[in-house]
Amino acid sequence: MMRALAGIIAFTIGCASAAFAEPCVGPAFDVPLSGAQNVSTRHADVPSSQFPGLWQQGNIEGYFYALFANGEAVLKATQRSLEWDVKVSCEAGQET
């Protein structure tokens, strides 16, 4: 899990530090996160300020991940897991 979390954190730090320059998953989120499997790029029909319209999801090190265009990410045991999740945000001044 630590390697998976490190990949997610590296993505979000990269987005925040370069003013959202091209992320490691490509500007269209069509390049798989390094080491990921079952990767797909998804689009929301109606993006909002609370949910970005572009994201990549897949599995890394056996865990589900989603990387969002706004610099946020989530890592869970499975896509529908309600037991636990790790959320990462790089919103200026509110890094979590």
PDB file of N, CA and C in Angstrom:
ATOM      1  N   MET A   1       0.813  -1.185   0.000  1.00  0.00           N
ATOM      2  CA  MET A   1       0.000   0.000   0.000  1.00  0.00           C
ATOM      3  C   MET A   1       0.861   1.255   0.000  1.00  0.00           C
ATOM      4  N   MET A   2       1.994   1.194   0.662  1.00  0.00           N
ATOM      5  CA  MET A   2       2.848   2.381   0.725  1.00  0.00           C
ATOM      6  C   MET A   2       3.335   2.787  -0.662  1.00  0.00           C
ATOM      7  N   ARG A   3       3.660   1.823  -1.522  1.00  0.00           N
ATOM      8  CA  ARG A   3       4.096   2.162  -2.885  1.00  0.00           C
ATOM      9  C   ARG A   3       2.946   2.768  -3.678  1.00  0.00           C
ATOM     10  N   ALA A   4       1.745   2.230  -3.503  1.00  0.00           N
ATOM     11  CA  ALA A   4       0.582   2.781  -4.193  1.00  0.00           C
ATOM     12  C   ALA A   4       0.322   4.205  -3.728  1.00  0.00           C
ATOM     13  N   LEU A   5       0.369   4.412  -2.433  1.00  0.00           N
ATOM     14  CA  LEU A   5       0.153   5.750  -1.878  1.00  0.00           C
ATOM     15  C   LEU A   5       1.245   6.705  -2.342  1.00  0.00           C
ATOM     16  N   ALA A   6       2.470   6.236  -2.430  1.00  0.00           N
ATOM     17  CA  ALA A   6       3.569   7.083  -2.904  1.00  0.00           C
ATOM     18  C   ALA A   6       3.319   7.537  -4.335  1.00  0.00           C
ATOM     19  N   GLY A   7       2.797   6.651  -5.184  1.00  0.00           N
ATOM     20  CA  GLY A   7       2.479   7.024  -6.566  1.00  0.00           C
ATOM     21  C   GLY A   7       1.396   8.083  -6.634  1.00  0.00           C
ATOM     22  N   ILE A   8       0.364   7.936  -5.814  1.00  0.00           N
ATOM     23  CA  ILE A   8      -0.732   8.905  -5.768  1.00  0.00           C
ATOM     24  C   ILE A   8      -0.217  10.261  -5.286  1.00  0.00           C
ATOM     25  N   ILE A   9       0.584  10.239  -4.238  1.00  0.00           N
ATOM     26  CA  ILE A   9       1.124  11.485  -3.690  1.00  0.00           C
ATOM     27  C   ILE A   9       2.057  12.157  -4.694  1.00  0.00           C
ATOM     28  N   ALA A  10       2.872  11.382  -5.390  1.00  0.00           N
ATOM     29  CA  ALA A  10       3.769  11.955  -6.398  1.00  0.00           C
ATOM     30  C   ALA A  10       2.969  12.652  -7.492  1.00  0.00           C
ATOM     31  N   PHE A  11       1.850  12.062  -7.895  1.00  0.00           N
ATOM     32  CA  PHE A  11       0.991  12.685  -8.900  1.00  0.00           C
ATOM     33  C   PHE A  11       0.468  14.028  -8.407  1.00  0.00           C
ATOM     34  N   THR A  12      -0.083  14.037  -7.200  1.00  0.00           N
ATOM     35  CA  THR A  12      -0.694  15.270  -6.704  1.00  0.00           C
ATOM     36  C   THR A  12       0.338  16.352  -6.423  1.00  0.00           C
ATOM     37  N   ILE A  13       1.492  15.968  -5.930  1.00  0.00           N
ATOM     38  CA  ILE A  13       2.555  16.955  -5.710  1.00  0.00           C
ATOM     39  C   ILE A  13       3.014  17.532  -7.044  1.00  0.00           C
ATOM     40  N   GLY A  14       3.122  16.680  -8.046  1.00  0.00           N
ATOM     41  CA  GLY A  14       3.516  17.142  -9.380  1.00  0.00           C
ATOM     42  C   GLY A  14       2.535  18.154  -9.924  1.00  0.00           C
ATOM     43  N   CYS A  15       1.261  17.916  -9.718  1.00  0.00           N
ATOM     44  CA  CYS A  15       0.244  18.860 -10.181  1.00  0.00           C
ATOM     45  C   CYS A  15       0.347  20.181  -9.439  1.00  0.00           C
ATOM     46  N   ALA A  16       0.492  20.104  -8.133  1.00  0.00           N
ATOM     47  CA  ALA A  16       0.513  21.327  -7.330  1.00  0.00           C
ATOM     48  C   ALA A  16       1.778  22.132  -7.569  1.00  0.00           C
ATOM     49  N   SER A  17       2.900  21.454  -7.712  1.00  0.00           N
ATOM     50  CA  SER A  17       4.165  22.177  -7.790  1.00  0.00           C
ATOM     51  C   SER A  17       4.409  22.835  -9.130  1.00  0.00           C
ATOM     52  N   ALA A  18       3.765  22.379 -10.159  1.00  0.00           N
ATOM     53  CA  ALA A  18       4.008  22.947 -11.485  1.00  0.00           C
ATOM     54  C   ALA A  18       2.791  23.707 -11.999  1.00  0.00           C
ATOM     55  N   ALA A  19       1.986  24.191 -11.092  1.00  0.00           N
ATOM     56  CA  ALA A  19       0.780  24.931 -11.475  1.00  0.00           C
ATOM     57  C   ALA A  19      -0.020  24.140 -12.497  1.00  0.00           C
ATOM     58  N   PHE A  20      -0.182  22.878 -12.202  1.00  0.00           N
ATOM     59  CA  PHE A  20      -0.928  21.968 -13.050  1.00  0.00           C
ATOM     60  C   PHE A  20      -0.325  21.852 -14.445  1.00  0.00           C
ATOM     61  N   ALA A  21       0.992  21.820 -14.512  1.00  0.00           N
ATOM     62  CA  ALA A  21       1.664  21.493 -15.764  1.00  0.00           C
ATOM     63  C   ALA A  21       1.303  20.049 -16.094  1.00  0.00           C
ATOM     64  N   GLU A  22       1.760  19.557 -17.210  1.00  0.00           N
ATOM     65  CA  GLU A  22       1.378  18.213 -17.639  1.00  0.00           C
ATOM     66  C   GLU A  22       1.646  17.183 -16.551  1.00  0.00           C
ATOM     67  N   PRO A  23       0.603  16.508 -16.079  1.00  0.00           N
ATOM     68  CA  PRO A  23       0.797  15.500 -15.036  1.00  0.00           C
ATOM     69  C   PRO A  23       1.442  14.241 -15.589  1.00  0.00           C
ATOM     70  N   CYS A  24       1.890  13.361 -14.691  1.00  0.00           N
ATOM     71  CA  CYS A  24       2.554  12.134 -15.110  1.00  0.00           C
ATOM     72  C   CYS A  24       1.623  11.211 -15.885  1.00  0.00           C
ATOM     73  N   VAL A  25       0.332  11.475 -15.871  1.00  0.00           N
ATOM     74  CA  VAL A  25      -0.616  10.664 -16.625  1.00  0.00           C
ATOM     75  C   VAL A  25      -0.999  11.323 -17.954  1.00  0.00           C
ATOM     76  N   GLY A  26      -0.265  12.366 -18.335  1.00  0.00           N
ATOM     77  CA  GLY A  26      -0.502  13.074 -19.591  1.00  0.00           C
ATOM     78  C   GLY A  26      -1.595  14.110 -19.447  1.00  0.00           C
ATOM     79  N   PRO A  27      -1.618  15.099 -20.311  1.00  0.00           N
ATOM     80  CA  PRO A  27      -2.606  16.174 -20.206  1.00  0.00           C
ATOM     81  C   PRO A  27      -4.039  15.687 -20.407  1.00  0.00           C
ATOM     82  N   ALA A  28      -4.221  14.583 -21.124  1.00  0.00           N
ATOM     83  CA  ALA A  28      -5.553  14.020 -21.359  1.00  0.00           C
ATOM     84  C   ALA A  28      -5.841  12.844 -20.428  1.00  0.00           C
ATOM     85  N   PHE A  29      -4.943  12.628 -19.451  1.00  0.00           N
ATOM     86  CA  PHE A  29      -5.078  11.528 -18.497  1.00  0.00           C
ATOM     87  C   PHE A  29      -5.155  10.174 -19.195  1.00  0.00           C
ATOM     88  N   ASP A  30      -4.512  10.059 -20.349  1.00  0.00           N
ATOM     89  CA  ASP A  30      -4.553   8.823 -21.127  1.00  0.00           C
ATOM     90  C   ASP A  30      -3.280   7.988 -21.010  1.00  0.00           C
ATOM     91  N   VAL A  31      -2.314   8.433 -20.219  1.00  0.00           N
ATOM     92  CA  VAL A  31      -1.091   7.670 -19.951  1.00  0.00           C
ATOM     93  C   VAL A  31      -1.273   6.995 -18.590  1.00  0.00           C
ATOM     94  N   PRO A  32      -1.189   5.665 -18.523  1.00  0.00           N
ATOM     95  CA  PRO A  32      -1.400   5.000 -17.233  1.00  0.00           C
ATOM     96  C   PRO A  32      -0.400   5.457 -16.175  1.00  0.00           C
ATOM     97  N   LEU A  33      -0.873   5.597 -14.946  1.00  0.00           N
ATOM     98  CA  LEU A  33       0.001   5.861 -13.814  1.00  0.00           C
ATOM     99  C   LEU A  33       1.017   4.729 -13.767  1.00  0.00           C
ATOM    100  N   SER A  34       2.247   5.043 -13.533  1.00  0.00           N
ATOM    101  CA  SER A  34       3.307   4.047 -13.534  1.00  0.00           C
ATOM    102  C   SER A  34       2.972   2.872 -12.617  1.00  0.00           C
ATOM    103  N   GLY A  35       2.986   1.662 -13.157  1.00  0.00           N
ATOM    104  CA  GLY A  35       2.712   0.452 -12.398  1.00  0.00           C
ATOM    105  C   GLY A  35       1.246   0.098 -12.280  1.00  0.00           C
ATOM    106  N   ALA A  36       0.352   0.892 -12.870  1.00  0.00           N
ATOM    107  CA  ALA A  36      -1.090   0.652 -12.739  1.00  0.00           C
ATOM    108  C   ALA A  36      -1.590  -0.354 -13.772  1.00  0.00           C
ATOM    109  N   GLN A  37      -2.705  -0.990 -13.446  1.00  0.00           N
ATOM    110  CA  GLN A  37      -3.370  -1.936 -14.332  1.00  0.00           C
ATOM    111  C   GLN A  37      -4.841  -1.581 -14.438  1.00  0.00           C
ATOM    112  N   ASN A  38      -5.494  -2.115 -15.478  1.00  0.00           N
ATOM    113  CA  ASN A  38      -6.933  -1.870 -15.688  1.00  0.00           C
ATOM    114  C   ASN A  38      -7.260  -0.383 -15.670  1.00  0.00           C
ATOM    115  N   VAL A  39      -6.450   0.393 -16.351  1.00  0.00           N
ATOM    116  CA  VAL A  39      -6.563   1.852 -16.334  1.00  0.00           C
ATOM    117  C   VAL A  39      -7.592   2.331 -17.357  1.00  0.00           C
ATOM    118  N   SER A  40      -8.416   3.280 -16.945  1.00  0.00           N
ATOM    119  CA  SER A  40      -9.342   3.914 -17.877  1.00  0.00           C
ATOM    120  C   SER A  40      -9.418   5.404 -17.574  1.00  0.00           C
ATOM    121  N   THR A  41      -9.667   6.173 -18.611  1.00  0.00           N
ATOM    122  CA  THR A  41      -9.866   7.614 -18.472  1.00  0.00           C
ATOM    123  C   THR A  41     -11.360   7.862 -18.517  1.00  0.00           C
ATOM    124  N   ARG A  42     -11.870   8.601 -17.565  1.00  0.00           N
ATOM    125  CA  ARG A  42     -13.310   8.826 -17.455  1.00  0.00           C
ATOM    126  C   ARG A  42     -13.615  10.317 -17.588  1.00  0.00           C
ATOM    127  N   HIS A  43     -14.838  10.620 -17.999  1.00  0.00           N
ATOM    128  CA  HIS A  43     -15.307  11.997 -18.171  1.00  0.00           C
ATOM    129  C   HIS A  43     -16.689  12.131 -17.553  1.00  0.00           C
ATOM    130  N   ALA A  44     -16.914  13.202 -16.835  1.00  0.00           N
ATOM    131  CA  ALA A  44     -18.252  13.500 -16.312  1.00  0.00           C
ATOM    132  C   ALA A  44     -18.984  14.334 -17.350  1.00  0.00           C
ATOM    133  N   ASP A  45     -20.243  14.024 -17.560  1.00  0.00           N
ATOM    134  CA  ASP A  45     -21.032  14.783 -18.526  1.00  0.00           C
ATOM    135  C   ASP A  45     -21.205  16.231 -18.106  1.00  0.00           C
ATOM    136  N   VAL A  46     -21.352  16.464 -16.810  1.00  0.00           N
ATOM    137  CA  VAL A  46     -21.551  17.813 -16.300  1.00  0.00           C
ATOM    138  C   VAL A  46     -20.564  18.048 -15.157  1.00  0.00           C
ATOM    139  N   PRO A  47     -19.344  18.476 -15.493  1.00  0.00           N
ATOM    140  CA  PRO A  47     -18.377  18.745 -14.418  1.00  0.00           C
ATOM    141  C   PRO A  47     -18.835  19.922 -13.566  1.00  0.00           C
ATOM    142  N   SER A  48     -18.391  19.923 -12.328  1.00  0.00           N
ATOM    143  CA  SER A  48     -18.757  21.019 -11.437  1.00  0.00           C
ATOM    144  C   SER A  48     -17.550  21.394 -10.593  1.00  0.00           C
ATOM    145  N   SER A  49     -17.702  22.426  -9.809  1.00  0.00           N
ATOM    146  CA  SER A  49     -16.608  22.823  -8.933  1.00  0.00           C
ATOM    147  C   SER A  49     -16.360  21.767  -7.859  1.00  0.00           C
ATOM    148  N   GLN A  50     -17.345  20.950  -7.571  1.00  0.00           N
ATOM    149  CA  GLN A  50     -17.199  19.911  -6.561  1.00  0.00           C
ATOM    150  C   GLN A  50     -16.739  18.587  -7.156  1.00  0.00           C
ATOM    151  N   PHE A  51     -16.830  18.444  -8.468  1.00  0.00           N
ATOM    152  CA  PHE A  51     -16.378  17.211  -9.100  1.00  0.00           C
ATOM    153  C   PHE A  51     -15.796  17.523 -10.471  1.00  0.00           C
ATOM    154  N   PRO A  52     -14.486  17.313 -10.629  1.00  0.00           N
ATOM    155  CA  PRO A  52     -13.858  17.630 -11.916  1.00  0.00           C
ATOM    156  C   PRO A  52     -14.357  16.706 -13.018  1.00  0.00           C
ATOM    157  N   GLY A  53     -14.330  17.179 -14.232  1.00  0.00           N
ATOM    158  CA  GLY A  53     -14.882  16.428 -15.350  1.00  0.00           C
ATOM    159  C   GLY A  53     -13.970  15.374 -15.943  1.00  0.00           C
ATOM    160  N   LEU A  54     -12.715  15.299 -15.547  1.00  0.00           N
ATOM    161  CA  LEU A  54     -11.766  14.360 -16.133  1.00  0.00           C
ATOM    162  C   LEU A  54     -11.012  13.645 -15.023  1.00  0.00           C
ATOM    163  N   TRP A  55     -10.914  12.330 -15.124  1.00  0.00           N
ATOM    164  CA  TRP A  55     -10.120  11.581 -14.156  1.00  0.00           C
ATOM    165  C   TRP A  55      -9.644  10.265 -14.746  1.00  0.00           C
ATOM    166  N   GLN A  56      -8.661   9.692 -14.110  1.00  0.00           N
ATOM    167  CA  GLN A  56      -8.148   8.383 -14.477  1.00  0.00           C
ATOM    168  C   GLN A  56      -8.353   7.457 -13.292  1.00  0.00           C
ATOM    169  N   GLN A  57      -8.750   6.237 -13.577  1.00  0.00           N
ATOM    170  CA  GLN A  57      -8.890   5.267 -12.500  1.00  0.00           C
ATOM    171  C   GLN A  57      -8.327   3.932 -12.929  1.00  0.00           C
ATOM    172  N   GLY A  58      -7.972   3.132 -11.945  1.00  0.00           N
ATOM    173  CA  GLY A  58      -7.417   1.818 -12.221  1.00  0.00           C
ATOM    174  C   GLY A  58      -7.012   1.142 -10.924  1.00  0.00           C
ATOM    175  N   ASN A  59      -6.119   0.188 -11.038  1.00  0.00           N
ATOM    176  CA  ASN A  59      -5.620  -0.542  -9.874  1.00  0.00           C
ATOM    177  C   ASN A  59      -4.109  -0.421  -9.828  1.00  0.00           C
ATOM    178  N   ILE A  60      -3.587  -0.208  -8.629  1.00  0.00           N
ATOM    179  CA  ILE A  60      -2.148  -0.137  -8.432  1.00  0.00           C
ATOM    180  C   ILE A  60      -1.809  -0.878  -7.147  1.00  0.00           C
ATOM    181  N   GLU A  61      -0.873  -1.819  -7.258  1.00  0.00           N
ATOM    182  CA  GLU A  61      -0.477  -2.635  -6.100  1.00  0.00           C
ATOM    183  C   GLU A  61      -1.672  -3.318  -5.448  1.00  0.00           C
ATOM    184  N   GLY A  62      -2.717  -3.636  -6.244  1.00  0.00           N
ATOM    185  CA  GLY A  62      -3.894  -4.318  -5.712  1.00  0.00           C
ATOM    186  C   GLY A  62      -4.956  -3.407  -5.130  1.00  0.00           C
ATOM    187  N   TYR A  63      -4.764  -2.099  -5.191  1.00  0.00           N
ATOM    188  CA  TYR A  63      -5.722  -1.139  -4.648  1.00  0.00           C
ATOM    189  C   TYR A  63      -6.347  -0.330  -5.776  1.00  0.00           C
ATOM    190  N   PHE A  64      -7.578   0.127  -5.583  1.00  0.00           N
ATOM    191  CA  PHE A  64      -8.239   1.007  -6.541  1.00  0.00           C
ATOM    192  C   PHE A  64      -7.734   2.434  -6.335  1.00  0.00           C
ATOM    193  N   TYR A  65      -7.502   3.146  -7.435  1.00  0.00           N
ATOM    194  CA  TYR A  65      -7.132   4.553  -7.337  1.00  0.00           C
ATOM    195  C   TYR A  65      -7.928   5.371  -8.344  1.00  0.00           C
ATOM    196  N   ALA A  66      -8.069   6.647  -8.052  1.00  0.00           N
ATOM    197  CA  ALA A  66      -8.636   7.613  -8.991  1.00  0.00           C
ATOM    198  C   ALA A  66      -7.842   8.901  -8.846  1.00  0.00           C
ATOM    199  N   LEU A  67      -7.395   9.434  -9.982  1.00  0.00           N
ATOM    200  CA  LEU A  67      -6.665  10.702 -10.032  1.00  0.00           C
ATOM    201  C   LEU A  67      -7.526  11.705 -10.769  1.00  0.00           C
ATOM    202  N   PHE A  68      -7.776  12.852 -10.174  1.00  0.00           N
ATOM    203  CA  PHE A  68      -8.665  13.844 -10.757  1.00  0.00           C
ATOM    204  C   PHE A  68      -7.877  15.030 -11.312  1.00  0.00           C
ATOM    205  N   ALA A  69      -8.444  15.682 -12.312  1.00  0.00           N
ATOM    206  CA  ALA A  69      -7.767  16.777 -13.001  1.00  0.00           C
ATOM    207  C   ALA A  69      -7.521  17.981 -12.104  1.00  0.00           C
ATOM    208  N   ASN A  70      -8.232  18.083 -10.992  1.00  0.00           N
ATOM    209  CA  ASN A  70      -8.037  19.219 -10.096  1.00  0.00           C
ATOM    210  C   ASN A  70      -6.935  18.980  -9.068  1.00  0.00           C
ATOM    211  N   GLY A  71      -6.192  17.869  -9.197  1.00  0.00           N
ATOM    212  CA  GLY A  71      -5.089  17.598  -8.278  1.00  0.00           C
ATOM    213  C   GLY A  71      -5.470  16.762  -7.074  1.00  0.00           C
ATOM    214  N   GLU A  72      -6.696  16.266  -7.049  1.00  0.00           N
ATOM    215  CA  GLU A  72      -7.113  15.393  -5.965  1.00  0.00           C
ATOM    216  C   GLU A  72      -6.958  13.944  -6.393  1.00  0.00           C
ATOM    217  N   ALA A  73      -6.889  13.063  -5.405  1.00  0.00           N
ATOM    218  CA  ALA A  73      -6.772  11.637  -5.683  1.00  0.00           C
ATOM    219  C   ALA A  73      -7.367  10.851  -4.531  1.00  0.00           C
ATOM    220  N   VAL A  74      -7.705   9.588  -4.806  1.00  0.00           N
ATOM    221  CA  VAL A  74      -8.224   8.694  -3.777  1.00  0.00           C
ATOM    222  C   VAL A  74      -7.626   7.313  -3.997  1.00  0.00           C
ATOM    223  N   LEU A  75      -7.376   6.624  -2.899  1.00  0.00           N
ATOM    224  CA  LEU A  75      -6.861   5.259  -2.910  1.00  0.00           C
ATOM    225  C   LEU A  75      -7.736   4.458  -1.952  1.00  0.00           C
ATOM    226  N   LYS A  76      -8.284   3.307  -2.419  1.00  0.00           N
ATOM    227  CA  LYS A  76      -9.180   2.480  -1.606  1.00  0.00           C
ATOM    228  C   LYS A  76      -8.829   1.013  -1.800  1.00  0.00           C
ATOM    229  N   ALA A  77      -9.360   0.169  -0.922  1.00  0.00           N
ATOM    230  CA  ALA A  77      -9.158  -1.268  -1.073  1.00  0.00           C
ATOM    231  C   ALA A  77      -9.801  -1.745  -2.373  1.00  0.00           C
ATOM    232  N   THR A  78     -11.013  -1.303  -2.665  1.00  0.00           N
ATOM    233  CA  THR A  78     -11.715  -1.600  -3.919  1.00  0.00           C
ATOM    234  C   THR A  78     -12.486  -0.354  -4.326  1.00  0.00           C
ATOM    235  N   GLN A  79     -12.990  -0.340  -5.560  1.00  0.00           N
ATOM    236  CA  GLN A  79     -13.704   0.846  -6.030  1.00  0.00           C
ATOM    237  C   GLN A  79     -14.919   1.158  -5.161  1.00  0.00           C
ATOM    238  N   ARG A  80     -15.614   0.158  -4.711  1.00  0.00           N
ATOM    239  CA  ARG A  80     -16.832   0.368  -3.922  1.00  0.00           C
ATOM    240  C   ARG A  80     -16.598   0.248  -2.418  1.00  0.00           C
ATOM    241  N   SER A  81     -15.352   0.169  -2.016  1.00  0.00           N
ATOM    242  CA  SER A  81     -15.018  -0.013  -0.604  1.00  0.00           C
ATOM    243  C   SER A  81     -15.501   1.149   0.249  1.00  0.00           C
ATOM    244  N   LEU A  82     -16.169   0.806   1.333  1.00  0.00           N
ATOM    245  CA  LEU A  82     -16.601   1.818   2.295  1.00  0.00           C
ATOM    246  C   LEU A  82     -15.824   1.692   3.596  1.00  0.00           C
ATOM    247  N   GLU A  83     -14.950   0.688   3.670  1.00  0.00           N
ATOM    248  CA  GLU A  83     -14.210   0.447   4.902  1.00  0.00           C
ATOM    249  C   GLU A  83     -13.162   1.522   5.174  1.00  0.00           C
ATOM    250  N   TRP A  84     -12.392   1.901   4.158  1.00  0.00           N
ATOM    251  CA  TRP A  84     -11.367   2.912   4.349  1.00  0.00           C
ATOM    252  C   TRP A  84     -11.019   3.525   2.995  1.00  0.00           C
ATOM    253  N   ASP A  85     -10.483   4.709   3.002  1.00  0.00           N
ATOM    254  CA  ASP A  85      -9.921   5.331   1.808  1.00  0.00           C
ATOM    255  C   ASP A  85      -8.910   6.381   2.241  1.00  0.00           C
ATOM    256  N   VAL A  86      -8.013   6.687   1.323  1.00  0.00           N
ATOM    257  CA  VAL A  86      -7.017   7.730   1.540  1.00  0.00           C
ATOM    258  C   VAL A  86      -7.292   8.787   0.484  1.00  0.00           C
ATOM    259  N   LYS A  87      -7.537  10.002   0.900  1.00  0.00           N
ATOM    260  CA  LYS A  87      -7.800  11.093  -0.039  1.00  0.00           C
ATOM    261  C   LYS A  87      -6.657  12.083   0.040  1.00  0.00           C
ATOM    262  N   VAL A  88      -6.248  12.562  -1.117  1.00  0.00           N
ATOM    263  CA  VAL A  88      -5.152  13.524  -1.214  1.00  0.00           C
ATOM    264  C   VAL A  88      -5.672  14.739  -1.967  1.00  0.00           C
ATOM    265  N   SER A  89      -5.414  15.925  -1.450  1.00  0.00           N
ATOM    266  CA  SER A  89      -5.838  17.154  -2.091  1.00  0.00           C
ATOM    267  C   SER A  89      -4.674  18.129  -2.142  1.00  0.00           C
ATOM    268  N   CYS A  90      -4.532  18.798  -3.261  1.00  0.00           N
ATOM    269  CA  CYS A  90      -3.465  19.789  -3.409  1.00  0.00           C
ATOM    270  C   CYS A  90      -4.039  21.178  -3.639  1.00  0.00           C
ATOM    271  N   GLU A  91      -5.204  21.446  -3.117  1.00  0.00           N
ATOM    272  CA  GLU A  91      -5.785  22.784  -3.255  1.00  0.00           C
ATOM    273  C   GLU A  91      -4.910  23.758  -2.475  1.00  0.00           C
ATOM    274  N   ALA A  92      -4.563  24.850  -3.108  1.00  0.00           N
ATOM    275  CA  ALA A  92      -3.663  25.829  -2.511  1.00  0.00           C
ATOM    276  C   ALA A  92      -4.121  26.228  -1.110  1.00  0.00           C
ATOM    277  N   GLY A  93      -3.235  26.077  -0.167  1.00  0.00           N
ATOM    278  CA  GLY A  93      -3.526  26.464   1.198  1.00  0.00           C
ATOM    279  C   GLY A  93      -4.318  25.439   1.995  1.00  0.00           C
ATOM    280  N   GLN A  94      -4.759  24.356   1.340  1.00  0.00           N
ATOM    281  CA  GLN A  94      -5.558  23.354   2.032  1.00  0.00           C
ATOM    282  C   GLN A  94      -5.033  21.948   1.755  1.00  0.00           C
ATOM    283  N   GLU A  95      -3.734  21.809   1.608  1.00  0.00           N
ATOM    284  CA  GLU A  95      -3.153  20.521   1.288  1.00  0.00           C
ATOM    285  C   GLU A  95      -3.474  19.513   2.380  1.00  0.00           C
ATOM    286  N   THR A  96      -4.006  18.372   1.983  1.00  0.00           N
ATOM    287  CA  THR A  96      -4.351  17.322   2.940  1.00  0.00           C
ATOM    288  C   THR A  96      -3.910  15.975   2.398  1.00  0.00           C
TER     289      THR A  96
END
